[in-house]
């Protein structure tokens, strides 16, 4: 798909110089940057939290569990 971008002259010059430094075309650089940003946005969706189990320990600061016990807690 083709599209038109309006960029400030300084931004365009900076992009062009970066493309030259990386040895790629401006088109390749822009596609890579957009794809990278899209991938990053997918992993940083607000509201996605990982919940870890709360574990009791006989001695605070220590936890002596086998791999099997850890696996059981995580399932």
C-alpha atoms as a PDB file:
ATOM      1  CA  UNK A   1       0.000   0.000   0.000  1.00  0.00           C
ATOM      2  CA  UNK A   2       1.207   3.471  -0.730  1.00  0.00           C
ATOM      3  CA  UNK A   3       0.766   6.421   1.571  1.00  0.00           C
ATOM      4  CA  UNK A   4       1.946   9.995   1.843  1.00  0.00           C
ATOM      5  CA  UNK A   5       3.655  11.348   4.932  1.00  0.00           C
ATOM      6  CA  UNK A   6       4.156  14.991   5.749  1.00  0.00           C
ATOM      7  CA  UNK A   7       7.298  15.385   7.818  1.00  0.00           C
ATOM      8  CA  UNK A   8       9.206  18.466   8.897  1.00  0.00           C
ATOM      9  CA  UNK A   9      12.293  18.989   6.736  1.00  0.00           C
ATOM     10  CA  UNK A  10      14.645  18.348   9.655  1.00  0.00           C
ATOM     11  CA  UNK A  11      12.919  15.053  10.499  1.00  0.00           C
ATOM     12  CA  UNK A  12      13.133  13.944   6.875  1.00  0.00           C
ATOM     13  CA  UNK A  13      16.854  14.790   6.742  1.00  0.00           C
ATOM     14  CA  UNK A  14      17.480  12.894   9.992  1.00  0.00           C
ATOM     15  CA  UNK A  15      15.604   9.841   8.690  1.00  0.00           C
ATOM     16  CA  UNK A  16      17.472   9.934   5.393  1.00  0.00           C
ATOM     17  CA  UNK A  17      20.828  10.157   7.202  1.00  0.00           C
ATOM     18  CA  UNK A  18      19.886   7.251   9.476  1.00  0.00           C
ATOM     19  CA  UNK A  19      18.903   5.150   6.464  1.00  0.00           C
ATOM     20  CA  UNK A  20      22.269   5.884   4.829  1.00  0.00           C
ATOM     21  CA  UNK A  21      24.123   5.011   8.046  1.00  0.00           C
ATOM     22  CA  UNK A  22      22.283   1.684   8.242  1.00  0.00           C
ATOM     23  CA  UNK A  23      22.743   0.979   4.548  1.00  0.00           C
ATOM     24  CA  UNK A  24      19.024   0.699   3.823  1.00  0.00           C
ATOM     25  CA  UNK A  25      16.539   2.682   1.785  1.00  0.00           C
ATOM     26  CA  UNK A  26      14.282   5.229   3.422  1.00  0.00           C
ATOM     27  CA  UNK A  27      11.338   2.973   2.586  1.00  0.00           C
ATOM     28  CA  UNK A  28      12.966   0.012   4.370  1.00  0.00           C
ATOM     29  CA  UNK A  29      13.844   2.135   7.403  1.00  0.00           C
ATOM     30  CA  UNK A  30      10.321   3.514   7.766  1.00  0.00           C
ATOM     31  CA  UNK A  31       8.743   0.060   7.416  1.00  0.00           C
ATOM     32  CA  UNK A  32      11.117  -1.367  10.041  1.00  0.00           C
ATOM     33  CA  UNK A  33      10.431   1.474  12.466  1.00  0.00           C
ATOM     34  CA  UNK A  34       6.653   1.179  12.041  1.00  0.00           C
ATOM     35  CA  UNK A  35       6.715  -2.624  12.437  1.00  0.00           C
ATOM     36  CA  UNK A  36       8.884  -2.326  15.542  1.00  0.00           C
ATOM     37  CA  UNK A  37       6.532   0.197  17.108  1.00  0.00           C
ATOM     38  CA  UNK A  38       3.509  -1.972  16.331  1.00  0.00           C
ATOM     39  CA  UNK A  39       5.142  -5.031  17.902  1.00  0.00           C
ATOM     40  CA  UNK A  40       6.086  -3.028  20.990  1.00  0.00           C
ATOM     41  CA  UNK A  41       2.553  -1.648  21.324  1.00  0.00           C
ATOM     42  CA  UNK A  42       1.077  -5.159  21.315  1.00  0.00           C
ATOM     43  CA  UNK A  43       3.141  -6.164  24.350  1.00  0.00           C
ATOM     44  CA  UNK A  44       2.500  -3.035  26.378  1.00  0.00           C
ATOM     45  CA  UNK A  45      -1.270  -2.994  26.406  1.00  0.00           C
ATOM     46  CA  UNK A  46      -2.534  -1.312  29.555  1.00  0.00           C
ATOM     47  CA  UNK A  47      -4.446  -3.507  31.937  1.00  0.00           C
ATOM     48  CA  UNK A  48      -2.548  -6.713  31.206  1.00  0.00           C
ATOM     49  CA  UNK A  49      -1.058  -7.867  34.468  1.00  0.00           C
ATOM     50  CA  UNK A  50       0.573 -11.086  35.467  1.00  0.00           C
ATOM     51  CA  UNK A  51      -0.578 -12.424  38.799  1.00  0.00           C
ATOM     52  CA  UNK A  52       1.867 -14.399  40.871  1.00  0.00           C
ATOM     53  CA  UNK A  53       0.763 -16.643  43.719  1.00  0.00           C
ATOM     54  CA  UNK A  54       1.311 -15.468  47.278  1.00  0.00           C
ATOM     55  CA  UNK A  55       3.276 -18.108  49.139  1.00  0.00           C
ATOM     56  CA  UNK A  56       3.639 -18.557  52.873  1.00  0.00           C
ATOM     57  CA  UNK A  57       6.999 -19.400  54.346  1.00  0.00           C
ATOM     58  CA  UNK A  58       7.926 -20.700  57.791  1.00  0.00           C
ATOM     59  CA  UNK A  59      10.922 -18.351  57.737  1.00  0.00           C
ATOM     60  CA  UNK A  60      10.268 -14.970  56.097  1.00  0.00           C
ATOM     61  CA  UNK A  61      12.707 -14.324  53.282  1.00  0.00           C
ATOM     62  CA  UNK A  62      13.187 -18.003  52.520  1.00  0.00           C
ATOM     63  CA  UNK A  63      11.171 -20.495  50.556  1.00  0.00           C
ATOM     64  CA  UNK A  64      12.114 -24.123  50.140  1.00  0.00           C
ATOM     65  CA  UNK A  65      10.043 -25.671  47.338  1.00  0.00           C
ATOM     66  CA  UNK A  66      10.728 -28.461  44.902  1.00  0.00           C
ATOM     67  CA  UNK A  67      10.217 -27.967  41.165  1.00  0.00           C
ATOM     68  CA  UNK A  68       7.098 -30.134  41.372  1.00  0.00           C
ATOM     69  CA  UNK A  69       5.639 -27.921  44.125  1.00  0.00           C
ATOM     70  CA  UNK A  70       6.364 -24.778  42.115  1.00  0.00           C
ATOM     71  CA  UNK A  71       4.728 -26.298  39.026  1.00  0.00           C
ATOM     72  CA  UNK A  72       1.650 -27.199  41.069  1.00  0.00           C
ATOM     73  CA  UNK A  73       1.367 -23.640  42.411  1.00  0.00           C
ATOM     74  CA  UNK A  74       1.570 -22.132  38.920  1.00  0.00           C
ATOM     75  CA  UNK A  75      -1.150 -24.344  37.395  1.00  0.00           C
END
